[in-house]
Amino acid sequence: MTHIRRIEKHDRDNTQARLAEIELKTMIDTYPDSNLLDEAKRDLRAVQEVLADGVYSVGNFYMLHRNYAAAISRYKEVATKYPDYSKMPTTLFNLAEGLRHAGNDAEAAIYYARIVTEHPLSDRADDAKQHLTALNQPIPEPSPVALARAQQASHDDKNILGKMFGMFKSRPPVPTETTAASSADDGSSTADAAPAPVRGGTVGAAGASSGGAAGTSFSIDVDRPPQPVKKLR
């Protein structure tokens, strides 16, 4: 969550997003029975959306400048690393277009067909069918599993992505609330005995906009200087 709170938008430095991805994957693999598992998977999905956006945007830049080899490389990276990316149908379509413009019709047809098979309800499905027809390639049938998944994904994306919010205007929409327990949840300490928190950059925008809703901020405890030990007589 510390890395997530420092994530920049997809067109800026992605170091914190990559570190957050590593930590979330480690947590998911190491603690499959954790009650935070669903939360971790949700956050990983959001973080990977930011990372995929970055690579996808670079691919679009190269595509715009007709550097098809570089564009193809970026789109393939997205398709391989981030299969749950919300813009996957457009990514596959742009990849196919790059291959077609590069003179590789045979491989382009593969990705046009993937759109029809794996993303039958997407806005790119009809365009993909037209290109397959133009290339004299058969139009495949949608996968029943993909069709059912696409119908469910429409609801899930709204449910997951709709909960995302950014800390600042320069931050991407990654959720920063968490149900993880911290020392702030321990009611055994009094205000006089509590260590002073370090503040500055650790509170999300949701805390400010929603009146400090529970779970939207956290603090780091700083050890106080040790008190002198009294000698027993």
C-alpha atoms as a PDB file:
ATOM      1  CA  MET A   1       0.000   0.000   0.000  1.00  0.00           C
ATOM      2  CA  THR A   2       2.968   2.305   0.542  1.00  0.00           C
ATOM      3  CA  HIS A   3       4.011   1.846  -3.090  1.00  0.00           C
ATOM      4  CA  ILE A   4       0.414   2.228  -4.305  1.00  0.00           C
ATOM      5  CA  ARG A   5       0.088   5.582  -2.573  1.00  0.00           C
ATOM      6  CA  ARG A   6       3.127   6.789  -4.531  1.00  0.00           C
ATOM      7  CA  ILE A   7       2.089   5.552  -7.991  1.00  0.00           C
ATOM      8  CA  GLU A   8       2.223   8.126 -10.764  1.00  0.00           C
ATOM      9  CA  LYS A   9       0.080   8.231 -13.887  1.00  0.00           C
ATOM     10  CA  HIS A  10       0.887   5.826 -16.698  1.00  0.00           C
ATOM     11  CA  ASP A  11       2.842   8.441 -18.681  1.00  0.00           C
ATOM     12  CA  ARG A  12       5.249   9.084 -15.803  1.00  0.00           C
ATOM     13  CA  ASP A  13       7.767   7.032 -13.852  1.00  0.00           C
ATOM     14  CA  ASN A  14       6.317   3.555 -13.242  1.00  0.00           C
ATOM     15  CA  THR A  15       8.812   2.451 -10.580  1.00  0.00           C
ATOM     16  CA  GLN A  16       6.277   2.508  -7.746  1.00  0.00           C
ATOM     17  CA  ALA A  17       3.695   0.647  -9.832  1.00  0.00           C
ATOM     18  CA  ARG A  18       6.214  -2.101 -10.637  1.00  0.00           C
ATOM     19  CA  LEU A  19       7.241  -2.387  -6.974  1.00  0.00           C
ATOM     20  CA  ALA A  20       3.585  -2.559  -5.915  1.00  0.00           C
ATOM     21  CA  GLU A  21       2.985  -5.312  -8.487  1.00  0.00           C
ATOM     22  CA  ILE A  22       5.906  -7.341  -7.112  1.00  0.00           C
ATOM     23  CA  GLU A  23       4.743  -7.035  -3.504  1.00  0.00           C
ATOM     24  CA  LEU A  24       1.117  -7.864  -4.317  1.00  0.00           C
ATOM     25  CA  LYS A  25       2.109 -10.932  -6.346  1.00  0.00           C
ATOM     26  CA  THR A  26       4.350 -12.085  -3.495  1.00  0.00           C
ATOM     27  CA  MET A  27       1.553 -11.620  -0.963  1.00  0.00           C
ATOM     28  CA  ILE A  28      -0.963 -13.503  -3.140  1.00  0.00           C
ATOM     29  CA  ASP A  29       1.439 -16.409  -3.738  1.00  0.00           C
ATOM     30  CA  THR A  30       2.663 -16.596  -0.136  1.00  0.00           C
ATOM     31  CA  TYR A  31      -0.621 -16.158   1.734  1.00  0.00           C
ATOM     32  CA  PRO A  32      -3.396 -17.818  -0.342  1.00  0.00           C
ATOM     33  CA  ASP A  33      -5.572 -18.210   2.782  1.00  0.00           C
ATOM     34  CA  SER A  34      -5.317 -14.580   3.879  1.00  0.00           C
ATOM     35  CA  ASN A  35      -8.525 -12.644   4.467  1.00  0.00           C
ATOM     36  CA  LEU A  36      -6.862  -9.854   2.448  1.00  0.00           C
ATOM     37  CA  LEU A  37      -6.504 -12.043  -0.657  1.00  0.00           C
ATOM     38  CA  ASP A  38      -9.476 -10.566  -2.536  1.00  0.00           C
ATOM     39  CA  GLU A  39      -8.321  -7.067  -1.721  1.00  0.00           C
ATOM     40  CA  ALA A  40      -4.812  -7.848  -2.935  1.00  0.00           C
ATOM     41  CA  LYS A  41      -6.124  -9.277  -6.214  1.00  0.00           C
ATOM     42  CA  ARG A  42      -8.280  -6.201  -6.743  1.00  0.00           C
ATOM     43  CA  ASP A  43      -5.336  -3.900  -6.117  1.00  0.00           C
ATOM     44  CA  LEU A  44      -3.079  -5.968  -8.387  1.00  0.00           C
ATOM     45  CA  ARG A  45      -5.673  -5.650 -11.148  1.00  0.00           C
ATOM     46  CA  ALA A  46      -5.683  -1.866 -10.687  1.00  0.00           C
ATOM     47  CA  VAL A  47      -1.885  -1.580 -10.595  1.00  0.00           C
ATOM     48  CA  GLN A  48      -1.503  -3.693 -13.726  1.00  0.00           C
ATOM     49  CA  GLU A  49      -4.046  -1.487 -15.469  1.00  0.00           C
ATOM     50  CA  VAL A  50      -1.696   1.466 -14.896  1.00  0.00           C
ATOM     51  CA  LEU A  51       1.334  -0.495 -16.113  1.00  0.00           C
ATOM     52  CA  ALA A  52      -0.516  -1.732 -19.198  1.00  0.00           C
ATOM     53  CA  ASP A  53      -1.694   1.793 -19.979  1.00  0.00           C
ATOM     54  CA  GLY A  54       1.911   2.947 -20.053  1.00  0.00           C
ATOM     55  CA  VAL A  55       3.076   0.304 -22.525  1.00  0.00           C
ATOM     56  CA  TYR A  56      -0.092   0.669 -24.608  1.00  0.00           C
ATOM     57  CA  SER A  57       0.411   4.434 -24.922  1.00  0.00           C
ATOM     58  CA  VAL A  58       3.981   3.956 -26.112  1.00  0.00           C
ATOM     59  CA  GLY A  59       2.701   1.505 -28.729  1.00  0.00           C
ATOM     60  CA  ASN A  60       0.166   4.072 -29.900  1.00  0.00           C
ATOM     61  CA  PHE A  61       2.932   6.672 -30.202  1.00  0.00           C
ATOM     62  CA  TYR A  62       4.988   4.409 -32.438  1.00  0.00           C
ATOM     63  CA  MET A  63       1.910   3.421 -34.415  1.00  0.00           C
ATOM     64  CA  LEU A  64       1.096   7.074 -35.047  1.00  0.00           C
ATOM     65  CA  HIS A  65       4.627   7.627 -36.368  1.00  0.00           C
ATOM     66  CA  ARG A  66       4.426   4.460 -38.480  1.00  0.00           C
ATOM     67  CA  ASN A  67       7.210   2.729 -36.615  1.00  0.00           C
ATOM     68  CA  TYR A  68       5.341  -0.553 -36.891  1.00  0.00           C
ATOM     69  CA  ALA A  69       8.075  -2.799 -35.525  1.00  0.00           C
ATOM     70  CA  ALA A  70       8.273  -0.833 -32.267  1.00  0.00           C
ATOM     71  CA  ALA A  71       4.489  -0.599 -32.011  1.00  0.00           C
ATOM     72  CA  ILE A  72       4.087  -4.340 -32.547  1.00  0.00           C
ATOM     73  CA  SER A  73       6.612  -5.041 -29.808  1.00  0.00           C
ATOM     74  CA  ARG A  74       4.722  -2.879 -27.270  1.00  0.00           C
ATOM     75  CA  TYR A  75       1.304  -4.293 -28.121  1.00  0.00           C
ATOM     76  CA  LYS A  76       2.617  -7.846 -27.817  1.00  0.00           C
ATOM     77  CA  GLU A  77       4.059  -6.967 -24.418  1.00  0.00           C
ATOM     78  CA  VAL A  78       0.639  -5.805 -23.236  1.00  0.00           C
ATOM     79  CA  ALA A  79      -1.086  -8.896 -24.642  1.00  0.00           C
ATOM     80  CA  THR A  80       1.418 -11.194 -22.931  1.00  0.00           C
ATOM     81  CA  LYS A  81       1.877  -9.518 -19.533  1.00  0.00           C
ATOM     82  CA  TYR A  82      -1.569  -8.052 -18.882  1.00  0.00           C
ATOM     83  CA  PRO A  83      -4.278 -10.387 -20.255  1.00  0.00           C
ATOM     84  CA  ASP A  84      -6.952  -8.729 -18.092  1.00  0.00           C
ATOM     85  CA  TYR A  85      -6.245  -5.249 -19.460  1.00  0.00           C
ATOM     86  CA  SER A  86      -9.501  -3.379 -20.046  1.00  0.00           C
ATOM     87  CA  LYS A  87      -8.350  -2.211 -23.500  1.00  0.00           C
ATOM     88  CA  MET A  88      -7.274  -5.649 -24.693  1.00  0.00           C
ATOM     89  CA  PRO A  89      -9.618  -5.758 -27.736  1.00  0.00           C
ATOM     90  CA  THR A  90      -8.176  -2.461 -29.024  1.00  0.00           C
ATOM     91  CA  THR A  91      -4.657  -3.620 -28.187  1.00  0.00           C
ATOM     92  CA  LEU A  92      -5.135  -6.765 -30.288  1.00  0.00           C
ATOM     93  CA  PHE A  93      -6.698  -4.763 -33.089  1.00  0.00           C
ATOM     94  CA  ASN A  94      -3.831  -2.255 -33.143  1.00  0.00           C
ATOM     95  CA  LEU A  95      -1.379  -5.146 -33.059  1.00  0.00           C
ATOM     96  CA  ALA A  96      -3.092  -6.733 -36.056  1.00  0.00           C
ATOM     97  CA  GLU A  97      -3.116  -3.405 -37.875  1.00  0.00           C
ATOM     98  CA  GLY A  98       0.595  -2.926 -37.225  1.00  0.00           C
ATOM     99  CA  LEU A  99       1.341  -6.383 -38.595  1.00  0.00           C
ATOM    100  CA  ARG A 100      -0.852  -5.766 -41.629  1.00  0.00           C
ATOM    101  CA  HIS A 101       0.864  -2.462 -42.407  1.00  0.00           C
ATOM    102  CA  ALA A 102       4.217  -4.202 -41.949  1.00  0.00           C
ATOM    103  CA  GLY A 103       3.221  -6.711 -44.641  1.00  0.00           C
ATOM    104  CA  ASN A 104       2.611  -9.661 -42.309  1.00  0.00           C
ATOM    105  CA  ASP A 105      -0.994 -10.508 -43.222  1.00  0.00           C
ATOM    106  CA  ALA A 106      -0.782 -14.071 -41.961  1.00  0.00           C
ATOM    107  CA  GLU A 107       0.065 -13.070 -38.390  1.00  0.00           C
ATOM    108  CA  ALA A 108      -2.320 -10.114 -38.518  1.00  0.00           C
ATOM    109  CA  ALA A 109      -5.164 -12.539 -39.230  1.00  0.00           C
ATOM    110  CA  ILE A 110      -4.301 -14.433 -36.048  1.00  0.00           C
ATOM    111  CA  TYR A 111      -4.945 -11.385 -33.888  1.00  0.00           C
ATOM    112  CA  TYR A 112      -8.061 -10.335 -35.796  1.00  0.00           C
ATOM    113  CA  ALA A 113      -9.382 -13.842 -35.144  1.00  0.00           C
ATOM    114  CA  ARG A 114      -8.498 -13.602 -31.442  1.00  0.00           C
ATOM    115  CA  ILE A 115     -10.712 -10.536 -31.129  1.00  0.00           C
ATOM    116  CA  VAL A 116     -13.677 -12.419 -32.563  1.00  0.00           C
ATOM    117  CA  THR A 117     -12.983 -15.512 -30.483  1.00  0.00           C
ATOM    118  CA  GLU A 118     -11.927 -13.989 -27.163  1.00  0.00           C
ATOM    119  CA  HIS A 119     -13.746 -10.626 -27.203  1.00  0.00           C
ATOM    120  CA  PRO A 120     -16.936 -11.228 -29.185  1.00  0.00           C
ATOM    121  CA  LEU A 121     -18.869  -8.380 -27.532  1.00  0.00           C
ATOM    122  CA  SER A 122     -16.184  -5.723 -27.969  1.00  0.00           C
ATOM    123  CA  ASP A 123     -16.441  -2.697 -30.227  1.00  0.00           C
ATOM    124  CA  ARG A 124     -13.609  -4.121 -32.353  1.00  0.00           C
ATOM    125  CA  ALA A 125     -15.274  -7.442 -33.165  1.00  0.00           C
ATOM    126  CA  ASP A 126     -17.092  -6.231 -36.300  1.00  0.00           C
ATOM    127  CA  ASP A 127     -13.982  -4.444 -37.606  1.00  0.00           C
ATOM    128  CA  ALA A 128     -11.941  -7.599 -37.053  1.00  0.00           C
ATOM    129  CA  LYS A 129     -14.467  -9.652 -39.031  1.00  0.00           C
ATOM    130  CA  GLN A 130     -14.288  -7.195 -41.926  1.00  0.00           C
ATOM    131  CA  HIS A 131     -10.503  -7.411 -42.022  1.00  0.00           C
ATOM    132  CA  LEU A 132     -10.615 -11.205 -41.919  1.00  0.00           C
ATOM    133  CA  THR A 133     -12.984 -11.177 -44.873  1.00  0.00           C
ATOM    134  CA  ALA A 134     -10.699  -8.776 -46.761  1.00  0.00           C
ATOM    135  CA  LEU A 135      -7.778 -11.120 -46.090  1.00  0.00           C
ATOM    136  CA  ASN A 136      -9.791 -14.121 -47.313  1.00  0.00           C
ATOM    137  CA  GLN A 137      -9.615 -15.699 -43.890  1.00  0.00           C
ATOM    138  CA  PRO A 138     -12.429 -17.617 -42.163  1.00  0.00           C
ATOM    139  CA  ILE A 139     -14.318 -15.885 -39.380  1.00  0.00           C
ATOM    140  CA  PRO A 140     -14.147 -18.032 -36.237  1.00  0.00           C
ATOM    141  CA  GLU A 141     -17.015 -18.642 -33.851  1.00  0.00           C
ATOM    142  CA  PRO A 142     -16.905 -16.888 -30.468  1.00  0.00           C
ATOM    143  CA  SER A 143     -15.765 -19.064 -27.619  1.00  0.00           C
ATOM    144  CA  PRO A 144     -18.731 -19.876 -25.317  1.00  0.00           C
ATOM    145  CA  VAL A 145     -16.454 -19.405 -22.307  1.00  0.00           C
ATOM    146  CA  ALA A 146     -15.209 -16.064 -23.616  1.00  0.00           C
ATOM    147  CA  LEU A 147     -18.763 -14.992 -24.370  1.00  0.00           C
ATOM    148  CA  ALA A 148     -19.906 -15.733 -20.835  1.00  0.00           C
ATOM    149  CA  ARG A 149     -16.793 -14.102 -19.409  1.00  0.00           C
ATOM    150  CA  ALA A 150     -17.343 -10.992 -21.524  1.00  0.00           C
ATOM    151  CA  GLN A 151     -20.879 -10.635 -20.213  1.00  0.00           C
ATOM    152  CA  GLN A 152     -19.671 -10.952 -16.625  1.00  0.00           C
ATOM    153  CA  ALA A 153     -16.607  -8.758 -17.192  1.00  0.00           C
ATOM    154  CA  SER A 154     -18.776  -5.817 -18.146  1.00  0.00           C
ATOM    155  CA  HIS A 155     -20.291  -5.908 -14.669  1.00  0.00           C
ATOM    156  CA  ASP A 156     -17.046  -6.717 -12.867  1.00  0.00           C
ATOM    157  CA  ASP A 157     -15.090  -3.891 -14.509  1.00  0.00           C
ATOM    158  CA  LYS A 158     -17.700  -1.377 -13.447  1.00  0.00           C
ATOM    159  CA  ASN A 159     -17.656  -2.824  -9.953  1.00  0.00           C
ATOM    160  CA  ILE A 160     -13.853  -2.945  -9.644  1.00  0.00           C
ATOM    161  CA  LEU A 161     -12.722   0.038 -11.661  1.00  0.00           C
ATOM    162  CA  GLY A 162     -15.577   2.126 -10.327  1.00  0.00           C
ATOM    163  CA  LYS A 163     -14.113   1.864  -6.806  1.00  0.00           C
ATOM    164  CA  MET A 164     -10.754   3.228  -7.854  1.00  0.00           C
ATOM    165  CA  PHE A 165      -9.787   6.758  -7.005  1.00  0.00           C
ATOM    166  CA  GLY A 166      -6.556   8.744  -7.036  1.00  0.00           C
ATOM    167  CA  MET A 167      -4.800  10.468  -4.186  1.00  0.00           C
ATOM    168  CA  PHE A 168      -3.925  13.543  -6.215  1.00  0.00           C
ATOM    169  CA  LYS A 169      -4.671  14.852  -9.688  1.00  0.00           C
ATOM    170  CA  SER A 170      -1.321  13.479 -10.843  1.00  0.00           C
ATOM    171  CA  ARG A 171      -2.144   9.981  -9.619  1.00  0.00           C
ATOM    172  CA  PRO A 172      -3.944   7.185 -11.500  1.00  0.00           C
ATOM    173  CA  PRO A 173      -7.221   5.692 -10.214  1.00  0.00           C
ATOM    174  CA  VAL A 174      -5.805   2.990  -7.942  1.00  0.00           C
ATOM    175  CA  PRO A 175      -7.684   2.177  -4.706  1.00  0.00           C
ATOM    176  CA  THR A 176      -5.812   3.193  -1.565  1.00  0.00           C
ATOM    177  CA  GLU A 177      -8.220   1.979   1.105  1.00  0.00           C
ATOM    178  CA  THR A 178      -7.368  -1.249   2.907  1.00  0.00           C
ATOM    179  CA  THR A 179      -8.818  -3.434   5.640  1.00  0.00           C
ATOM    180  CA  ALA A 180      -5.371  -4.520   6.795  1.00  0.00           C
ATOM    181  CA  ALA A 181      -4.939  -4.149  10.544  1.00  0.00           C
ATOM    182  CA  SER A 182      -2.421  -1.633  11.846  1.00  0.00           C
ATOM    183  CA  SER A 183      -1.299  -0.196  15.160  1.00  0.00           C
ATOM    184  CA  ALA A 184      -3.966   2.492  14.730  1.00  0.00           C
ATOM    185  CA  ASP A 185      -6.614  -0.200  15.340  1.00  0.00           C
ATOM    186  CA  ASP A 186      -5.214  -1.087  18.753  1.00  0.00           C
ATOM    187  CA  GLY A 187      -7.382   0.629  21.372  1.00  0.00           C
ATOM    188  CA  SER A 188      -5.157  -0.385  24.277  1.00  0.00           C
ATOM    189  CA  SER A 189      -2.922   2.691  24.046  1.00  0.00           C
ATOM    190  CA  THR A 190      -3.980   6.147  25.179  1.00  0.00           C
ATOM    191  CA  ALA A 191      -3.478   9.442  23.381  1.00  0.00           C
ATOM    192  CA  ASP A 192      -0.715  10.417  25.799  1.00  0.00           C
ATOM    193  CA  ALA A 193       1.187   7.178  25.307  1.00  0.00           C
ATOM    194  CA  ALA A 194       0.744   6.891  21.523  1.00  0.00           C
ATOM    195  CA  PRO A 195       3.862   7.525  19.411  1.00  0.00           C
ATOM    196  CA  ALA A 196       3.690  10.550  17.159  1.00  0.00           C
ATOM    197  CA  PRO A 197       2.860   9.630  13.525  1.00  0.00           C
ATOM    198  CA  VAL A 198       4.860  10.817  10.568  1.00  0.00           C
ATOM    199  CA  ARG A 199       2.550  12.739   8.241  1.00  0.00           C
ATOM    200  CA  GLY A 200       2.804  14.097   4.747  1.00  0.00           C
ATOM    201  CA  GLY A 201       1.861  12.172   1.630  1.00  0.00           C
ATOM    202  CA  THR A 202       0.325   9.170   3.411  1.00  0.00           C
ATOM    203  CA  VAL A 203      -3.300  10.260   3.346  1.00  0.00           C
ATOM    204  CA  GLY A 204      -5.391   9.604   0.253  1.00  0.00           C
ATOM    205  CA  ALA A 205      -7.651  12.125  -1.399  1.00  0.00           C
ATOM    206  CA  ALA A 206     -10.652  10.035  -0.408  1.00  0.00           C
ATOM    207  CA  GLY A 207      -9.939  10.827   3.213  1.00  0.00           C
ATOM    208  CA  ALA A 208     -10.127  14.537   2.474  1.00  0.00           C
ATOM    209  CA  SER A 209     -13.175  14.376   0.235  1.00  0.00           C
ATOM    210  CA  SER A 210     -15.205  11.956   2.336  1.00  0.00           C
ATOM    211  CA  GLY A 211     -14.466  13.393   5.733  1.00  0.00           C
ATOM    212  CA  GLY A 212     -11.703  10.931   6.588  1.00  0.00           C
ATOM    213  CA  ALA A 213     -13.545   7.692   5.972  1.00  0.00           C
ATOM    214  CA  ALA A 214     -12.154   4.698   7.809  1.00  0.00           C
ATOM    215  CA  GLY A 215      -9.432   2.813   5.976  1.00  0.00           C
ATOM    216  CA  THR A 216      -8.300   5.674   3.747  1.00  0.00           C
ATOM    217  CA  SER A 217      -5.154   6.670   5.638  1.00  0.00           C
ATOM    218  CA  PHE A 218      -2.390   5.213   7.710  1.00  0.00           C
ATOM    219  CA  SER A 219       0.522   6.427   9.817  1.00  0.00           C
ATOM    220  CA  ILE A 220       4.035   5.230  10.517  1.00  0.00           C
ATOM    221  CA  ASP A 221       5.073   4.984  14.139  1.00  0.00           C
ATOM    222  CA  VAL A 222       8.374   6.569  15.108  1.00  0.00           C
ATOM    223  CA  ASP A 223      10.223   5.227  18.114  1.00  0.00           C
ATOM    224  CA  ARG A 224      10.680   7.752  20.861  1.00  0.00           C
ATOM    225  CA  PRO A 225      14.108   8.149  22.495  1.00  0.00           C
ATOM    226  CA  PRO A 226      14.555   5.585  25.245  1.00  0.00           C
ATOM    227  CA  GLN A 227      13.862   6.839  28.763  1.00  0.00           C
ATOM    228  CA  PRO A 228      16.637   6.513  31.357  1.00  0.00           C
ATOM    229  CA  VAL A 229      16.390   3.335  33.384  1.00  0.00           C
ATOM    230  CA  LYS A 230      15.867   3.875  37.085  1.00  0.00           C
ATOM    231  CA  LYS A 231      18.160   1.821  39.250  1.00  0.00           C
ATOM    232  CA  LEU A 232      16.579  -0.186  42.025  1.00  0.00           C
ATOM    233  CA  ARG A 233      18.071   0.309  45.472  1.00  0.00           C
END
